[in-house]
Amino acid sequence: MRFLKEHFDDIVKLYVNQIGVALFAFFLYSAIDIELSISMLLKVLISVFSIGFYFSLLHVVSWEIGAKDKIRIDAGRMEPYPYKGIKLGLLANTPNFIVVGIALLCFIIYMLGGPLGFKSVFAVLNMIFRIFVSMYLGALQGIFSFLSESEDAYYLWQTVGFLVFPLLAALVTHLSYTMGLKEKRIFPTAKK
């Protein structure tokens, strides 16, 4: 709880970037209204672009947090905390894990013979998380398009994918934070 209080601003900054990119991707998806086969290709391309853009934003923000921490560590005002990046990434994605996790649980209960109400809850949560993590939508639809004949399997595996992609975002956050701590850049800057 202390970690959350101390780093709440950084976590919110990471989450706000996610919402911004998700809305950006959502508006790009909504602009597509052409043939189904071309539409899927465009959705995948929009998704790949949006994921790359999102991971780039995560990298910049996380690298900056790590670089600021390096200054504090070098000055002796802070102790090194090697798992800070992964914690920031996981906490920033906690709303995703909660909503998608509950949706997945409801859908599995429905698929195992539970009441239709579980599918209704899943449908509402599915709509919510498809908006808030829409940058992953096209990629997951493309990856699991071979399951489109079985609607239940299609949605089940897409939902699992919506749990995996935030883990990748948390890893990007951690790696970028670590690079910031070590002052390593992807593209080296010109020396004066």
Protein backbone atom coordinates (compact mmCIF):
# COMPACT_ATOMS: atom_id res chain seq x y z
CA MET A 1 0.00 0.00 0.00
CA ARG A 2 2.90 2.32 0.75
CA PHE A 3 4.34 1.74 -2.73
CA LEU A 4 0.98 2.69 -4.27
CA LYS A 5 0.81 5.92 -2.26
CA GLU A 6 4.39 6.92 -3.06
CA HIS A 7 4.12 6.23 -6.78
CA PHE A 8 0.46 6.99 -7.44
CA ASP A 9 1.29 9.84 -9.84
CA ASP A 10 3.51 7.60 -11.98
CA ILE A 11 0.89 4.84 -12.04
CA VAL A 12 -1.82 7.29 -13.06
CA LYS A 13 0.45 8.71 -15.77
CA LEU A 14 0.99 5.22 -17.19
CA TYR A 15 -2.75 4.46 -17.07
CA VAL A 16 -3.72 7.76 -18.69
CA ASN A 17 -1.35 6.99 -21.57
CA GLN A 18 -3.14 3.66 -22.00
CA ILE A 19 -6.55 5.33 -22.09
CA GLY A 20 -5.31 7.90 -24.60
CA VAL A 21 -3.91 5.29 -26.97
CA ALA A 22 -6.99 3.11 -26.52
CA LEU A 23 -9.27 5.97 -27.54
CA PHE A 24 -6.96 6.77 -30.46
CA ALA A 25 -7.17 3.14 -31.64
CA PHE A 26 -10.93 3.03 -31.06
CA PHE A 27 -11.46 6.04 -33.31
CA LEU A 28 -9.23 4.53 -35.99
CA TYR A 29 -11.22 1.28 -35.87
CA SER A 30 -14.49 3.16 -36.15
CA ALA A 31 -13.30 4.77 -39.39
CA ILE A 32 -13.16 1.36 -41.11
CA ASP A 33 -16.32 0.48 -42.98
CA ILE A 34 -15.30 -1.58 -46.00
CA GLU A 35 -15.18 -5.22 -47.11
CA LEU A 36 -14.76 -7.79 -44.36
CA SER A 37 -11.44 -9.23 -45.60
CA ILE A 38 -9.82 -5.83 -46.06
CA SER A 39 -11.37 -4.66 -42.80
CA MET A 40 -9.62 -7.43 -40.80
CA LEU A 41 -6.27 -6.58 -42.37
CA LEU A 42 -6.76 -2.90 -41.55
CA LYS A 43 -7.80 -3.75 -37.98
CA VAL A 44 -4.64 -5.78 -37.50
CA LEU A 45 -2.50 -3.00 -38.97
CA ILE A 46 -4.19 -0.36 -36.78
CA SER A 47 -3.71 -2.59 -33.76
CA VAL A 48 -0.02 -3.21 -34.47
CA PHE A 49 0.54 0.53 -35.00
CA SER A 50 -1.38 1.39 -31.82
CA ILE A 51 0.46 -1.21 -29.74
CA GLY A 52 3.79 0.09 -31.03
CA PHE A 53 2.75 3.65 -30.25
CA TYR A 54 1.56 2.63 -26.77
CA PHE A 55 4.73 0.71 -25.98
CA SER A 56 6.78 3.70 -27.19
CA LEU A 57 4.87 5.99 -24.82
CA LEU A 58 5.36 3.48 -22.00
CA HIS A 59 9.06 3.39 -22.77
CA VAL A 60 9.45 7.16 -22.67
CA VAL A 61 7.50 7.59 -19.42
CA SER A 62 9.15 4.62 -17.69
CA TRP A 63 12.63 5.57 -18.86
CA GLU A 64 12.12 9.06 -17.46
CA ILE A 65 10.99 7.64 -14.08
CA GLY A 66 14.08 5.41 -14.00
CA ALA A 67 16.41 8.30 -14.94
CA LYS A 68 14.96 10.46 -12.16
CA ASP A 69 15.40 7.61 -9.68
CA LYS A 70 19.03 7.20 -10.78
CA ILE A 71 19.69 10.82 -9.82
CA ARG A 72 18.17 10.22 -6.38
CA ILE A 73 20.10 6.96 -5.93
CA ASP A 74 23.40 8.57 -6.95
CA ALA A 75 22.75 11.42 -4.49
CA GLY A 76 22.05 8.93 -1.69
CA ARG A 77 18.46 10.08 -1.20
CA MET A 78 16.96 6.79 -2.37
CA GLU A 79 17.76 3.10 -2.15
CA PRO A 80 17.81 1.08 -5.38
CA TYR A 81 14.62 -0.90 -5.89
CA PRO A 82 15.14 -3.30 -8.81
CA TYR A 83 11.49 -4.43 -9.09
CA LYS A 84 9.98 -0.96 -9.17
CA GLY A 85 9.39 -1.05 -12.95
CA ILE A 86 7.42 -4.29 -12.92
CA LYS A 87 5.40 -3.13 -9.92
CA LEU A 88 4.55 0.13 -11.68
CA GLY A 89 3.53 -1.77 -14.81
CA LEU A 90 1.37 -4.27 -12.94
CA LEU A 91 -0.32 -1.60 -10.81
CA ALA A 92 -1.02 0.56 -13.87
CA ASN A 93 -2.69 -2.45 -15.51
CA THR A 94 -4.61 -3.57 -12.42
CA PRO A 95 -7.97 -2.22 -13.69
CA ASN A 96 -7.44 -4.26 -16.87
CA PHE A 97 -6.62 -7.42 -14.92
CA ILE A 98 -9.66 -7.00 -12.68
CA VAL A 99 -12.24 -6.31 -15.42
CA VAL A 100 -10.87 -8.87 -17.88
CA GLY A 101 -10.36 -11.45 -15.10
CA ILE A 102 -13.96 -11.14 -13.89
CA ALA A 103 -15.21 -11.29 -17.50
CA LEU A 104 -13.12 -14.41 -18.19
CA LEU A 105 -14.35 -16.09 -15.02
CA CYS A 106 -17.99 -15.32 -15.90
CA PHE A 107 -17.53 -16.66 -19.43
CA ILE A 108 -15.88 -19.87 -18.21
CA ILE A 109 -18.71 -20.44 -15.72
CA TYR A 110 -21.22 -19.90 -18.54
CA MET A 111 -19.34 -22.30 -20.84
CA LEU A 112 -19.30 -24.95 -18.09
CA GLY A 113 -23.10 -24.90 -17.99
CA GLY A 114 -23.75 -21.94 -15.73
CA PRO A 115 -26.80 -19.70 -16.10
CA LEU A 116 -27.17 -17.34 -19.05
CA GLY A 117 -26.73 -14.40 -16.65
CA PHE A 118 -22.99 -15.07 -16.59
CA LYS A 119 -22.84 -14.59 -20.35
CA SER A 120 -24.74 -11.30 -19.95
CA VAL A 121 -22.25 -10.08 -17.36
CA PHE A 122 -19.44 -11.14 -19.68
CA ALA A 123 -21.03 -9.22 -22.57
CA VAL A 124 -21.16 -5.99 -20.55
CA LEU A 125 -17.59 -6.36 -19.25
CA ASN A 126 -16.43 -7.39 -22.73
CA MET A 127 -17.77 -4.13 -24.15
CA ILE A 128 -16.03 -2.14 -21.42
CA PHE A 129 -12.59 -3.71 -21.74
CA ARG A 130 -12.69 -3.70 -25.55
CA ILE A 131 -12.92 0.08 -25.35
CA PHE A 132 -10.29 0.59 -22.63
CA VAL A 133 -7.71 -1.73 -24.21
CA SER A 134 -8.84 -1.38 -27.81
CA MET A 135 -5.28 -1.10 -29.10
CA TYR A 136 -5.04 -4.91 -28.68
CA LEU A 137 -8.39 -5.66 -30.34
CA GLY A 138 -7.33 -5.96 -33.98
CA ALA A 139 -4.29 -8.07 -33.17
CA LEU A 140 -6.34 -10.48 -31.06
CA GLN A 141 -9.08 -10.70 -33.68
CA GLY A 142 -6.43 -11.50 -36.27
CA ILE A 143 -4.62 -14.04 -34.07
CA PHE A 144 -7.80 -15.92 -33.19
CA SER A 145 -9.64 -15.52 -36.51
CA PHE A 146 -9.26 -19.25 -37.13
CA LEU A 147 -11.68 -19.80 -34.21
CA SER A 148 -14.40 -17.54 -35.62
CA GLU A 149 -16.59 -20.55 -36.49
CA SER A 150 -17.03 -21.30 -32.77
CA GLU A 151 -18.20 -18.05 -31.18
CA ASP A 152 -17.60 -19.22 -27.59
CA ALA A 153 -14.03 -20.38 -28.25
CA TYR A 154 -13.35 -17.19 -30.23
CA TYR A 155 -14.39 -14.93 -27.36
CA LEU A 156 -12.78 -17.14 -24.71
CA TRP A 157 -9.33 -17.03 -26.30
CA GLN A 158 -9.59 -13.34 -27.15
CA THR A 159 -10.34 -12.65 -23.49
CA VAL A 160 -7.29 -14.67 -22.47
CA GLY A 161 -5.32 -12.55 -24.92
CA PHE A 162 -6.65 -9.41 -23.27
CA LEU A 163 -5.04 -10.70 -20.05
CA VAL A 164 -1.70 -11.48 -21.73
CA PHE A 165 -1.15 -8.15 -23.52
CA PRO A 166 -1.22 -6.05 -20.31
CA LEU A 167 1.48 -8.37 -18.96
CA LEU A 168 3.57 -7.44 -22.00
CA ALA A 169 2.92 -3.76 -21.23
CA ALA A 170 4.11 -4.34 -17.65
CA LEU A 171 7.30 -5.96 -19.01
CA VAL A 172 7.89 -3.00 -21.34
CA THR A 173 7.46 -0.69 -18.34
CA HIS A 174 9.98 -2.70 -16.33
CA LEU A 175 12.58 -2.92 -19.09
CA SER A 176 12.25 0.78 -19.85
CA TYR A 177 12.53 1.71 -16.17
CA THR A 178 15.67 -0.43 -15.89
CA MET A 179 17.13 1.22 -18.99
CA GLY A 180 16.44 4.62 -17.42
CA LEU A 181 18.21 3.56 -14.22
CA LYS A 182 21.24 2.52 -16.24
CA GLU A 183 20.97 5.50 -18.59
CA LYS A 184 20.81 3.16 -21.59
CA ARG A 185 18.97 4.42 -24.65
CA ILE A 186 17.50 2.55 -27.57
CA PHE A 187 18.84 5.21 -29.91
CA PRO A 188 22.04 6.81 -28.63
CA THR A 189 22.12 10.60 -28.54
CA ALA A 190 24.79 12.63 -30.28
CA LYS A 191 27.67 13.64 -28.00
CA LYS A 192 28.55 17.28 -27.64
